[in-house]
N, C-alpha and C. Protein backbone atom coordinates (compact mmCIF):
# COMPACT_ATOMS: atom_id res chain seq x y z
N MET A 1 4.75 -20.67 173.95
CA MET A 1 4.93 -20.82 172.52
C MET A 1 4.05 -21.95 171.99
N LYS A 2 3.98 -23.07 172.73
CA LYS A 2 3.16 -24.19 172.30
C LYS A 2 1.69 -23.78 172.21
N VAL A 3 1.25 -22.97 173.17
CA VAL A 3 -0.15 -22.52 173.17
C VAL A 3 -0.40 -21.65 171.94
N PHE A 4 0.53 -20.75 171.63
CA PHE A 4 0.40 -19.90 170.46
C PHE A 4 0.33 -20.74 169.19
N PHE A 5 1.19 -21.75 169.06
CA PHE A 5 1.20 -22.64 167.88
C PHE A 5 -0.12 -23.39 167.74
N LYS A 6 -0.64 -23.93 168.86
CA LYS A 6 -1.91 -24.64 168.83
C LYS A 6 -3.05 -23.70 168.43
N LEU A 7 -3.04 -22.50 168.98
CA LEU A 7 -4.06 -21.52 168.65
C LEU A 7 -3.99 -21.15 167.17
N PHE A 8 -2.78 -20.96 166.66
CA PHE A 8 -2.58 -20.66 165.23
C PHE A 8 -3.12 -21.77 164.35
N CYS A 9 -2.80 -23.01 164.68
CA CYS A 9 -3.29 -24.16 163.90
C CYS A 9 -4.81 -24.27 163.95
N LEU A 10 -5.39 -24.00 165.13
CA LEU A 10 -6.83 -24.07 165.28
C LEU A 10 -7.51 -23.00 164.43
N ILE A 11 -7.00 -21.79 164.46
CA ILE A 11 -7.55 -20.70 163.64
C ILE A 11 -7.41 -21.02 162.16
N LEU A 12 -6.25 -21.53 161.76
CA LEU A 12 -6.01 -21.90 160.36
C LEU A 12 -6.99 -22.98 159.92
N PHE A 13 -7.20 -23.98 160.77
CA PHE A 13 -8.13 -25.06 160.46
C PHE A 13 -9.54 -24.53 160.22
N PHE A 14 -10.03 -23.67 161.11
CA PHE A 14 -11.38 -23.14 160.96
C PHE A 14 -11.50 -22.18 159.78
N CYS A 15 -10.47 -21.38 159.56
CA CYS A 15 -10.51 -20.43 158.44
C CYS A 15 -10.48 -21.16 157.10
N ALA A 16 -9.72 -22.24 157.04
CA ALA A 16 -9.64 -23.00 155.78
C ALA A 16 -11.01 -23.53 155.40
N GLY A 17 -11.81 -23.89 156.39
CA GLY A 17 -13.16 -24.38 156.11
C GLY A 17 -14.11 -23.29 155.65
N CYS A 18 -13.77 -22.04 155.92
CA CYS A 18 -14.63 -20.93 155.56
C CYS A 18 -14.25 -20.29 154.24
N THR A 19 -13.15 -20.69 153.67
CA THR A 19 -12.68 -20.08 152.43
C THR A 19 -13.64 -20.38 151.30
N THR A 20 -13.94 -19.36 150.52
CA THR A 20 -14.79 -19.56 149.34
C THR A 20 -13.99 -19.24 148.10
N PHE A 21 -14.31 -19.89 147.03
CA PHE A 21 -13.63 -19.67 145.77
C PHE A 21 -14.62 -19.10 144.78
N THR A 22 -14.20 -18.15 144.00
CA THR A 22 -15.07 -17.54 143.00
C THR A 22 -14.94 -18.30 141.69
N LYS A 23 -16.05 -18.73 141.13
CA LYS A 23 -16.04 -19.40 139.84
C LYS A 23 -15.95 -18.37 138.74
N THR A 24 -15.22 -18.68 137.69
CA THR A 24 -15.14 -17.75 136.57
C THR A 24 -16.40 -17.79 135.74
N ARG A 25 -17.11 -18.93 135.74
CA ARG A 25 -18.39 -19.02 135.05
C ARG A 25 -19.18 -20.15 135.69
N ASP A 26 -20.46 -20.00 135.68
CA ASP A 26 -21.33 -20.98 136.31
C ASP A 26 -21.85 -21.92 135.23
N ILE A 27 -21.49 -23.20 135.35
CA ILE A 27 -21.88 -24.19 134.35
C ILE A 27 -22.82 -25.19 135.00
N LYS A 28 -23.95 -25.41 134.36
CA LYS A 28 -24.88 -26.40 134.86
C LYS A 28 -24.48 -27.76 134.31
N ALA A 29 -24.27 -28.72 135.21
CA ALA A 29 -23.89 -30.07 134.79
C ALA A 29 -25.10 -30.75 134.17
N GLN A 30 -24.85 -31.47 133.10
CA GLN A 30 -25.92 -32.20 132.42
C GLN A 30 -25.82 -33.68 132.78
N ILE A 31 -26.94 -34.30 133.00
CA ILE A 31 -26.99 -35.73 133.23
C ILE A 31 -28.06 -36.31 132.32
N ILE A 32 -27.94 -37.59 132.07
CA ILE A 32 -28.99 -38.25 131.30
C ILE A 32 -30.12 -38.56 132.27
N GLU A 33 -31.21 -37.84 132.11
CA GLU A 33 -32.36 -38.09 132.97
C GLU A 33 -33.03 -39.38 132.54
N SER A 34 -33.55 -40.08 133.50
CA SER A 34 -34.23 -41.35 133.25
C SER A 34 -33.31 -42.33 132.52
N ALA A 35 -32.08 -42.43 132.99
CA ALA A 35 -31.11 -43.31 132.32
C ALA A 35 -31.60 -44.75 132.27
N ARG A 36 -32.27 -45.18 133.31
CA ARG A 36 -32.76 -46.56 133.33
C ARG A 36 -33.72 -46.82 132.17
N GLU A 37 -34.62 -45.86 131.93
CA GLU A 37 -35.56 -46.03 130.81
C GLU A 37 -34.83 -45.97 129.47
N SER A 38 -33.85 -45.06 129.35
CA SER A 38 -33.11 -44.93 128.09
C SER A 38 -32.37 -46.22 127.76
N LEU A 39 -31.73 -46.83 128.77
CA LEU A 39 -30.98 -48.06 128.50
C LEU A 39 -31.91 -49.22 128.18
N SER A 40 -33.08 -49.25 128.80
CA SER A 40 -34.00 -50.35 128.48
C SER A 40 -34.57 -50.20 127.07
N ASP A 41 -34.58 -48.97 126.55
CA ASP A 41 -35.05 -48.73 125.17
C ASP A 41 -33.95 -48.93 124.14
N MET A 42 -32.72 -49.19 124.60
CA MET A 42 -31.60 -49.35 123.68
C MET A 42 -31.88 -50.50 122.71
N PRO A 43 -31.74 -50.23 121.42
CA PRO A 43 -32.00 -51.32 120.47
C PRO A 43 -30.91 -52.38 120.52
N GLY A 44 -31.31 -53.62 120.38
CA GLY A 44 -30.33 -54.69 120.24
C GLY A 44 -29.77 -54.63 118.83
N VAL A 45 -28.63 -55.24 118.62
CA VAL A 45 -28.02 -55.21 117.29
C VAL A 45 -28.09 -56.58 116.65
N ALA A 46 -28.21 -56.59 115.33
CA ALA A 46 -28.18 -57.83 114.56
C ALA A 46 -26.78 -57.96 113.97
N TYR A 47 -26.24 -59.13 114.01
CA TYR A 47 -24.86 -59.36 113.59
C TYR A 47 -24.77 -59.84 112.15
N HIS A 48 -23.67 -59.49 111.53
CA HIS A 48 -23.39 -59.96 110.18
C HIS A 48 -22.25 -60.97 110.27
N TYR A 49 -22.56 -62.21 109.97
CA TYR A 49 -21.57 -63.30 110.05
C TYR A 49 -20.92 -63.52 108.71
N PRO A 50 -19.75 -64.06 108.61
CA PRO A 50 -18.96 -64.64 109.69
C PRO A 50 -18.20 -63.56 110.45
N GLY A 51 -17.68 -63.94 111.62
CA GLY A 51 -16.85 -63.05 112.41
C GLY A 51 -15.50 -62.86 111.74
N LEU A 52 -14.74 -61.92 112.26
CA LEU A 52 -13.42 -61.61 111.72
C LEU A 52 -12.39 -61.64 112.84
N THR A 53 -11.15 -61.90 112.46
CA THR A 53 -10.06 -61.78 113.42
C THR A 53 -9.51 -60.35 113.35
N ASP A 54 -8.67 -60.02 114.30
CA ASP A 54 -8.02 -58.71 114.28
C ASP A 54 -7.18 -58.54 113.02
N LYS A 55 -6.58 -59.61 112.54
CA LYS A 55 -5.77 -59.55 111.31
C LYS A 55 -6.65 -59.25 110.09
N ASP A 56 -7.83 -59.88 110.04
CA ASP A 56 -8.77 -59.61 108.94
C ASP A 56 -9.21 -58.14 108.94
N ALA A 57 -9.53 -57.64 110.13
CA ALA A 57 -9.97 -56.25 110.26
C ALA A 57 -8.85 -55.29 109.85
N ARG A 58 -7.64 -55.56 110.30
CA ARG A 58 -6.49 -54.71 109.95
C ARG A 58 -6.27 -54.71 108.43
N LYS A 59 -6.38 -55.89 107.82
CA LYS A 59 -6.19 -55.99 106.37
C LYS A 59 -7.24 -55.18 105.62
N SER A 60 -8.49 -55.18 106.12
CA SER A 60 -9.55 -54.44 105.44
C SER A 60 -9.35 -52.92 105.55
N LEU A 61 -8.48 -52.49 106.45
CA LEU A 61 -8.21 -51.06 106.65
C LEU A 61 -6.85 -50.62 106.10
N GLU A 62 -6.15 -51.52 105.44
CA GLU A 62 -4.79 -51.24 104.95
C GLU A 62 -4.66 -49.88 104.26
N GLU A 63 -5.60 -49.59 103.40
CA GLU A 63 -5.55 -48.36 102.61
C GLU A 63 -5.57 -47.11 103.48
N TRP A 64 -6.19 -47.19 104.68
CA TRP A 64 -6.37 -46.01 105.52
C TRP A 64 -5.43 -45.95 106.71
N LEU A 65 -4.70 -47.02 106.94
CA LEU A 65 -3.77 -46.97 108.07
C LEU A 65 -2.66 -45.98 107.76
N SER A 66 -2.51 -45.03 108.63
CA SER A 66 -1.55 -43.95 108.42
C SER A 66 -0.13 -44.40 108.75
N ALA A 67 0.82 -43.90 108.00
CA ALA A 67 2.23 -44.17 108.30
C ALA A 67 2.61 -43.50 109.63
N ARG A 68 1.86 -42.45 110.02
CA ARG A 68 2.15 -41.72 111.26
C ARG A 68 1.54 -42.39 112.48
N GLY A 69 0.50 -43.16 112.29
CA GLY A 69 -0.20 -43.74 113.43
C GLY A 69 -0.35 -45.24 113.26
N GLY A 70 -1.47 -45.75 113.64
CA GLY A 70 -1.70 -47.17 113.50
C GLY A 70 -3.05 -47.55 114.07
N ALA A 71 -3.21 -48.83 114.32
CA ALA A 71 -4.47 -49.35 114.83
C ALA A 71 -4.20 -50.27 116.01
N ILE A 72 -5.04 -50.13 117.02
CA ILE A 72 -4.95 -50.99 118.20
C ILE A 72 -6.19 -51.88 118.23
N PHE A 73 -5.96 -53.18 118.17
CA PHE A 73 -7.04 -54.17 118.24
C PHE A 73 -6.80 -55.01 119.50
N PRO A 74 -7.41 -54.66 120.63
CA PRO A 74 -7.14 -55.39 121.87
C PRO A 74 -7.75 -56.80 121.92
N ASP A 75 -8.70 -57.10 121.04
CA ASP A 75 -9.31 -58.43 121.00
C ASP A 75 -8.84 -59.17 119.76
N VAL A 76 -9.08 -60.47 119.73
CA VAL A 76 -8.70 -61.29 118.58
C VAL A 76 -9.90 -61.52 117.66
N HIS A 77 -11.09 -61.66 118.24
CA HIS A 77 -12.28 -61.97 117.47
C HIS A 77 -13.27 -60.82 117.50
N TYR A 78 -13.79 -60.48 116.32
CA TYR A 78 -14.72 -59.37 116.16
C TYR A 78 -15.89 -59.80 115.28
N ILE A 79 -16.92 -58.95 115.28
CA ILE A 79 -18.08 -59.21 114.43
C ILE A 79 -18.60 -57.88 113.87
N ARG A 80 -19.09 -57.94 112.64
CA ARG A 80 -19.75 -56.76 112.05
C ARG A 80 -21.22 -56.78 112.45
N ILE A 81 -21.87 -55.63 112.30
CA ILE A 81 -23.30 -55.60 112.56
C ILE A 81 -24.04 -55.27 111.27
N LYS A 82 -25.31 -55.60 111.27
CA LYS A 82 -26.16 -55.28 110.12
C LYS A 82 -26.32 -53.76 110.03
N HIS A 83 -26.38 -53.28 108.80
CA HIS A 83 -26.46 -51.84 108.60
C HIS A 83 -27.72 -51.24 109.22
N GLU A 84 -28.84 -51.97 109.15
CA GLU A 84 -30.08 -51.43 109.75
C GLU A 84 -29.94 -51.32 111.27
N SER A 85 -29.14 -52.18 111.90
CA SER A 85 -28.88 -52.06 113.34
C SER A 85 -28.06 -50.81 113.63
N PHE A 86 -27.10 -50.53 112.77
CA PHE A 86 -26.27 -49.32 112.87
C PHE A 86 -27.17 -48.08 112.84
N ILE A 87 -28.10 -48.03 111.89
CA ILE A 87 -29.02 -46.89 111.75
C ILE A 87 -29.91 -46.76 112.98
N ALA A 88 -30.49 -47.86 113.44
CA ALA A 88 -31.39 -47.84 114.60
C ALA A 88 -30.64 -47.40 115.86
N PHE A 89 -29.42 -47.90 116.04
CA PHE A 89 -28.65 -47.52 117.22
C PHE A 89 -28.29 -46.04 117.18
N ASN A 90 -27.93 -45.53 115.99
CA ASN A 90 -27.59 -44.11 115.86
C ASN A 90 -28.76 -43.22 116.27
N LYS A 91 -29.96 -43.58 115.84
CA LYS A 91 -31.15 -42.79 116.19
C LYS A 91 -31.35 -42.79 117.70
N TRP A 92 -31.22 -43.96 118.32
CA TRP A 92 -31.37 -44.07 119.76
C TRP A 92 -30.29 -43.23 120.47
N PHE A 93 -29.05 -43.32 120.01
CA PHE A 93 -27.93 -42.60 120.63
C PHE A 93 -28.16 -41.10 120.58
N GLN A 94 -28.57 -40.59 119.42
CA GLN A 94 -28.80 -39.15 119.29
C GLN A 94 -29.91 -38.69 120.22
N LYS A 95 -30.99 -39.44 120.29
CA LYS A 95 -32.11 -39.08 121.17
C LYS A 95 -31.69 -39.11 122.63
N THR A 96 -30.97 -40.14 123.03
CA THR A 96 -30.57 -40.32 124.42
C THR A 96 -29.54 -39.29 124.87
N THR A 97 -28.61 -38.93 124.00
CA THR A 97 -27.53 -38.02 124.40
C THR A 97 -27.84 -36.55 124.12
N GLU A 98 -29.00 -36.26 123.59
CA GLU A 98 -29.38 -34.87 123.31
C GLU A 98 -29.25 -34.01 124.57
N GLN A 99 -29.55 -34.60 125.71
CA GLN A 99 -29.49 -33.89 126.99
C GLN A 99 -28.07 -33.49 127.38
N LEU A 100 -27.07 -34.14 126.82
CA LEU A 100 -25.68 -33.86 127.18
C LEU A 100 -25.11 -32.65 126.47
N LYS A 101 -25.75 -32.17 125.45
CA LYS A 101 -25.20 -31.07 124.65
C LYS A 101 -25.25 -29.77 125.46
N ASN A 102 -24.06 -29.22 125.71
CA ASN A 102 -23.93 -27.99 126.47
C ASN A 102 -22.64 -27.32 126.02
N GLU A 103 -22.74 -26.33 125.16
CA GLU A 103 -21.56 -25.68 124.58
C GLU A 103 -20.73 -24.93 125.61
N GLU A 104 -21.29 -24.60 126.77
CA GLU A 104 -20.54 -23.90 127.80
C GLU A 104 -19.42 -24.77 128.37
N ILE A 105 -19.57 -26.08 128.30
CA ILE A 105 -18.57 -26.97 128.88
C ILE A 105 -17.29 -26.97 128.05
N GLY A 106 -17.38 -26.73 126.75
CA GLY A 106 -16.19 -26.71 125.90
C GLY A 106 -15.52 -28.07 125.85
N ASP A 107 -14.22 -28.11 126.16
CA ASP A 107 -13.46 -29.36 126.12
C ASP A 107 -13.83 -30.32 127.24
N GLY A 108 -14.66 -29.87 128.17
CA GLY A 108 -15.05 -30.72 129.29
C GLY A 108 -15.84 -31.94 128.85
N TYR A 109 -16.61 -31.82 127.82
CA TYR A 109 -17.34 -32.97 127.27
C TYR A 109 -17.47 -32.72 125.78
N ASP A 110 -16.52 -33.24 125.04
CA ASP A 110 -16.50 -32.97 123.60
C ASP A 110 -16.30 -34.25 122.80
N CYS A 111 -15.63 -34.14 121.68
CA CYS A 111 -15.58 -35.22 120.69
C CYS A 111 -15.08 -36.56 121.24
N ASP A 112 -14.00 -36.56 122.00
CA ASP A 112 -13.49 -37.83 122.50
C ASP A 112 -14.46 -38.47 123.49
N ASN A 113 -15.12 -37.66 124.31
CA ASN A 113 -16.10 -38.19 125.26
C ASN A 113 -17.28 -38.83 124.54
N TYR A 114 -17.81 -38.13 123.52
CA TYR A 114 -18.91 -38.68 122.74
C TYR A 114 -18.49 -39.97 122.02
N SER A 115 -17.29 -39.99 121.47
CA SER A 115 -16.83 -41.16 120.72
C SER A 115 -16.70 -42.39 121.61
N PHE A 116 -16.10 -42.21 122.78
CA PHE A 116 -15.95 -43.36 123.68
C PHE A 116 -17.29 -43.78 124.28
N LEU A 117 -18.19 -42.82 124.52
CA LEU A 117 -19.52 -43.17 125.00
C LEU A 117 -20.27 -43.99 123.95
N TYR A 118 -20.20 -43.57 122.69
CA TYR A 118 -20.85 -44.30 121.60
C TYR A 118 -20.31 -45.74 121.52
N LYS A 119 -18.99 -45.87 121.54
CA LYS A 119 -18.37 -47.20 121.47
C LYS A 119 -18.81 -48.06 122.65
N SER A 120 -18.81 -47.49 123.83
CA SER A 120 -19.19 -48.25 125.03
C SER A 120 -20.65 -48.68 125.00
N LEU A 121 -21.54 -47.76 124.63
CA LEU A 121 -22.95 -48.11 124.62
C LEU A 121 -23.29 -49.12 123.52
N LEU A 122 -22.62 -49.04 122.39
CA LEU A 122 -22.84 -50.05 121.35
C LEU A 122 -22.37 -51.42 121.86
N GLY A 123 -21.29 -51.42 122.63
CA GLY A 123 -20.85 -52.66 123.26
C GLY A 123 -21.87 -53.20 124.25
N VAL A 124 -22.51 -52.31 125.01
CA VAL A 124 -23.55 -52.72 125.95
C VAL A 124 -24.73 -53.33 125.20
N SER A 125 -25.08 -52.77 124.05
CA SER A 125 -26.20 -53.33 123.28
C SER A 125 -25.86 -54.74 122.82
N SER A 126 -24.60 -54.98 122.53
CA SER A 126 -24.16 -56.32 122.14
C SER A 126 -24.23 -57.27 123.35
N TYR A 127 -23.86 -56.75 124.50
CA TYR A 127 -23.92 -57.52 125.74
C TYR A 127 -25.36 -57.95 126.04
N LYS A 128 -26.30 -57.03 125.76
CA LYS A 128 -27.73 -57.36 125.96
C LYS A 128 -28.11 -58.58 125.12
N ASN A 129 -27.49 -58.73 123.94
CA ASN A 129 -27.79 -59.85 123.05
C ASN A 129 -26.97 -61.09 123.37
N LYS A 130 -26.13 -61.01 124.38
CA LYS A 130 -25.26 -62.12 124.79
C LYS A 130 -24.30 -62.53 123.68
N ASN A 131 -23.82 -61.53 122.94
CA ASN A 131 -22.84 -61.79 121.89
C ASN A 131 -21.48 -62.09 122.54
N LEU A 132 -20.77 -63.04 121.99
CA LEU A 132 -19.48 -63.42 122.55
C LEU A 132 -18.30 -62.73 121.87
N ARG A 133 -18.56 -61.94 120.85
CA ARG A 133 -17.50 -61.25 120.13
C ARG A 133 -17.68 -59.75 120.20
N GLU A 134 -16.56 -59.06 120.16
CA GLU A 134 -16.58 -57.59 120.15
C GLU A 134 -17.05 -57.08 118.80
N ILE A 135 -17.94 -56.09 118.82
CA ILE A 135 -18.38 -55.46 117.57
C ILE A 135 -17.21 -54.65 117.01
N LEU A 136 -17.07 -54.63 115.70
CA LEU A 136 -16.00 -53.84 115.07
C LEU A 136 -16.39 -52.37 115.07
N ILE A 137 -16.25 -51.77 116.23
CA ILE A 137 -16.51 -50.35 116.44
C ILE A 137 -15.27 -49.77 117.08
N GLY A 138 -14.81 -48.66 116.56
CA GLY A 138 -13.62 -48.04 117.12
C GLY A 138 -13.77 -46.53 117.25
N VAL A 139 -12.78 -45.96 117.90
CA VAL A 139 -12.63 -44.51 118.00
C VAL A 139 -11.44 -44.16 117.12
N ILE A 140 -11.61 -43.15 116.28
CA ILE A 140 -10.50 -42.70 115.44
C ILE A 140 -10.13 -41.28 115.81
N TYR A 141 -8.84 -40.99 115.69
CA TYR A 141 -8.33 -39.63 115.88
C TYR A 141 -7.85 -39.13 114.53
N VAL A 142 -8.24 -37.90 114.20
CA VAL A 142 -7.96 -37.35 112.88
C VAL A 142 -7.45 -35.91 113.00
N LYS A 143 -6.87 -35.42 111.91
CA LYS A 143 -6.57 -34.00 111.74
C LYS A 143 -7.80 -33.41 111.05
N GLN A 144 -8.50 -32.51 111.69
CA GLN A 144 -9.76 -31.97 111.15
C GLN A 144 -9.48 -30.83 110.17
N LYS A 145 -8.82 -31.14 109.07
CA LYS A 145 -8.48 -30.12 108.06
C LYS A 145 -9.67 -29.76 107.18
N HIS A 146 -10.63 -30.69 107.08
CA HIS A 146 -11.81 -30.48 106.23
C HIS A 146 -13.06 -30.70 107.07
N PRO A 147 -14.14 -29.95 106.79
CA PRO A 147 -15.37 -30.17 107.56
C PRO A 147 -15.95 -31.56 107.28
N PHE A 148 -16.59 -32.11 108.30
CA PHE A 148 -17.26 -33.39 108.13
C PHE A 148 -18.34 -33.53 109.20
N GLY A 149 -19.51 -33.98 108.78
CA GLY A 149 -20.58 -34.32 109.71
C GLY A 149 -21.06 -33.17 110.57
N GLY A 150 -20.95 -31.96 110.07
CA GLY A 150 -21.39 -30.80 110.84
C GLY A 150 -20.32 -30.20 111.72
N ILE A 151 -19.11 -30.76 111.69
CA ILE A 151 -17.98 -30.22 112.46
C ILE A 151 -17.10 -29.44 111.48
N PRO A 152 -16.81 -28.17 111.79
CA PRO A 152 -16.03 -27.35 110.84
C PRO A 152 -14.57 -27.78 110.78
N SER A 153 -13.88 -27.30 109.77
CA SER A 153 -12.44 -27.56 109.65
C SER A 153 -11.70 -26.63 110.60
N GLY A 154 -10.46 -26.99 110.87
CA GLY A 154 -9.63 -26.16 111.74
C GLY A 154 -8.29 -26.80 111.96
N LYS A 155 -7.50 -26.18 112.79
CA LYS A 155 -6.17 -26.70 113.13
C LYS A 155 -6.25 -27.43 114.47
N PHE A 156 -6.99 -28.53 114.47
CA PHE A 156 -7.14 -29.30 115.70
C PHE A 156 -7.32 -30.78 115.38
N ASP A 157 -7.03 -31.60 116.37
CA ASP A 157 -7.30 -33.03 116.26
C ASP A 157 -8.74 -33.26 116.69
N HIS A 158 -9.33 -34.34 116.19
CA HIS A 158 -10.74 -34.60 116.44
C HIS A 158 -10.94 -36.11 116.60
N ALA A 159 -11.92 -36.51 117.38
CA ALA A 159 -12.25 -37.93 117.57
C ALA A 159 -13.64 -38.21 117.04
N LEU A 160 -13.78 -39.34 116.35
CA LEU A 160 -15.05 -39.82 115.81
C LEU A 160 -15.08 -41.34 115.98
N ASN A 161 -16.11 -41.95 115.41
CA ASN A 161 -16.21 -43.41 115.44
C ASN A 161 -16.10 -44.00 114.05
N ILE A 162 -15.64 -45.25 114.04
CA ILE A 162 -15.61 -46.04 112.81
C ILE A 162 -16.29 -47.36 113.14
N ILE A 163 -17.14 -47.82 112.23
CA ILE A 163 -17.87 -49.06 112.46
C ILE A 163 -17.95 -49.85 111.17
N TYR A 164 -17.88 -51.17 111.30
CA TYR A 164 -17.88 -52.06 110.14
C TYR A 164 -19.24 -52.77 110.07
N THR A 165 -19.99 -52.51 109.01
CA THR A 165 -21.26 -53.20 108.77
C THR A 165 -21.08 -54.09 107.53
N GLU A 166 -22.14 -54.79 107.16
CA GLU A 166 -22.04 -55.63 105.96
C GLU A 166 -21.90 -54.80 104.70
N LEU A 167 -22.13 -53.49 104.79
CA LEU A 167 -21.97 -52.59 103.63
C LEU A 167 -20.60 -51.92 103.60
N GLY A 168 -19.75 -52.24 104.57
CA GLY A 168 -18.40 -51.68 104.60
C GLY A 168 -18.14 -50.86 105.84
N TRP A 169 -17.01 -50.14 105.82
CA TRP A 169 -16.61 -49.27 106.93
C TRP A 169 -17.31 -47.92 106.82
N PHE A 170 -17.80 -47.42 107.97
CA PHE A 170 -18.45 -46.12 108.03
C PHE A 170 -17.79 -45.26 109.11
N ILE A 171 -17.69 -43.97 108.81
CA ILE A 171 -17.24 -42.98 109.79
C ILE A 171 -18.50 -42.33 110.34
N TYR A 172 -18.59 -42.28 111.67
CA TYR A 172 -19.78 -41.75 112.34
C TYR A 172 -19.37 -40.59 113.25
N GLU A 173 -20.04 -39.47 113.10
CA GLU A 173 -19.81 -38.30 113.96
C GLU A 173 -20.84 -38.35 115.09
N PRO A 174 -20.44 -38.79 116.29
CA PRO A 174 -21.42 -39.00 117.36
C PRO A 174 -22.03 -37.72 117.93
N GLN A 175 -21.41 -36.57 117.68
CA GLN A 175 -21.97 -35.32 118.19
C GLN A 175 -23.15 -34.83 117.35
N THR A 176 -23.20 -35.26 116.08
CA THR A 176 -24.27 -34.78 115.19
C THR A 176 -25.12 -35.89 114.60
N GLY A 177 -24.64 -37.13 114.64
CA GLY A 177 -25.38 -38.24 114.05
C GLY A 177 -25.14 -38.44 112.57
N LYS A 178 -24.26 -37.67 111.98
CA LYS A 178 -23.96 -37.80 110.54
C LYS A 178 -22.92 -38.90 110.32
N PHE A 179 -23.02 -39.55 109.16
CA PHE A 179 -22.06 -40.61 108.83
C PHE A 179 -21.91 -40.74 107.32
N ASP A 180 -20.83 -41.40 106.93
CA ASP A 180 -20.57 -41.67 105.51
C ASP A 180 -19.58 -42.82 105.42
N LYS A 181 -19.48 -43.39 104.23
CA LYS A 181 -18.52 -44.47 104.00
C LYS A 181 -17.11 -43.92 104.15
N ILE A 182 -16.20 -44.77 104.58
CA ILE A 182 -14.82 -44.35 104.80
C ILE A 182 -14.19 -43.81 103.51
N GLU A 183 -14.61 -44.34 102.37
CA GLU A 183 -14.06 -43.88 101.09
C GLU A 183 -14.34 -42.39 100.85
N ASN A 184 -15.40 -41.86 101.44
CA ASN A 184 -15.78 -40.47 101.26
C ASN A 184 -15.27 -39.54 102.36
N TYR A 185 -14.58 -40.12 103.34
CA TYR A 185 -14.13 -39.31 104.47
C TYR A 185 -12.93 -38.45 104.06
N PRO A 186 -12.99 -37.13 104.28
CA PRO A 186 -11.98 -36.23 103.73
C PRO A 186 -10.71 -36.02 104.57
N ASN A 187 -10.70 -36.45 105.82
CA ASN A 187 -9.57 -36.13 106.69
C ASN A 187 -8.62 -37.31 106.90
N GLU A 188 -7.39 -36.97 107.24
CA GLU A 188 -6.37 -37.99 107.51
C GLU A 188 -6.63 -38.63 108.87
N ILE A 189 -6.72 -39.95 108.89
CA ILE A 189 -6.94 -40.69 110.14
C ILE A 189 -5.57 -41.00 110.72
N LEU A 190 -5.35 -40.56 111.96
CA LEU A 190 -4.06 -40.77 112.62
C LEU A 190 -4.01 -42.06 113.42
N TRP A 191 -5.09 -42.37 114.13
CA TRP A 191 -5.12 -43.55 115.00
C TRP A 191 -6.49 -44.20 115.00
N PHE A 192 -6.49 -45.51 115.07
CA PHE A 192 -7.70 -46.31 115.23
C PHE A 192 -7.57 -47.03 116.57
N ILE A 193 -8.59 -46.96 117.41
CA ILE A 193 -8.60 -47.71 118.68
C ILE A 193 -9.87 -48.54 118.70
N PHE A 194 -9.70 -49.85 118.67
CA PHE A 194 -10.85 -50.75 118.71
C PHE A 194 -10.98 -51.36 120.10
């Protein structure tokens, strides 16, 4: 009996290694080619002083803070950036991430991924400048009831970016590069994550 059990386990072990799985669709993974060159081309950002505290930032957003959600400010000190830096960074981001666009992936790499990537890379650009304060850049979650920035309306939640420049708060759609002042944004903002 022991020999039969050992033989069974041995056959199971070898067969498990031979098992193949059929994919329902073949998706080519996208990577940022020449990432080293792209990051070295990343524009530095110019800051708009004075800096702000988390309380100052929250107060400037009072009108848009939803009763259903809220805002998370993990840092105490923040800084705005110059509007021309915002524009230059957006151009660089669109050019660099163009390679990531692949509609076959669907939810595998969509709005929330682009939004957090944008926030992270803008933070890296600040790090390049040896800034000691966090840029006022956040990810927002919204109900996409109205089209904005090339994204159609629908019955779904959506993630975008919000950034504070010396010209005010802007909503940025990282998948398309479109942006507008928060006053013109048509959808209900549920959550702000800075």
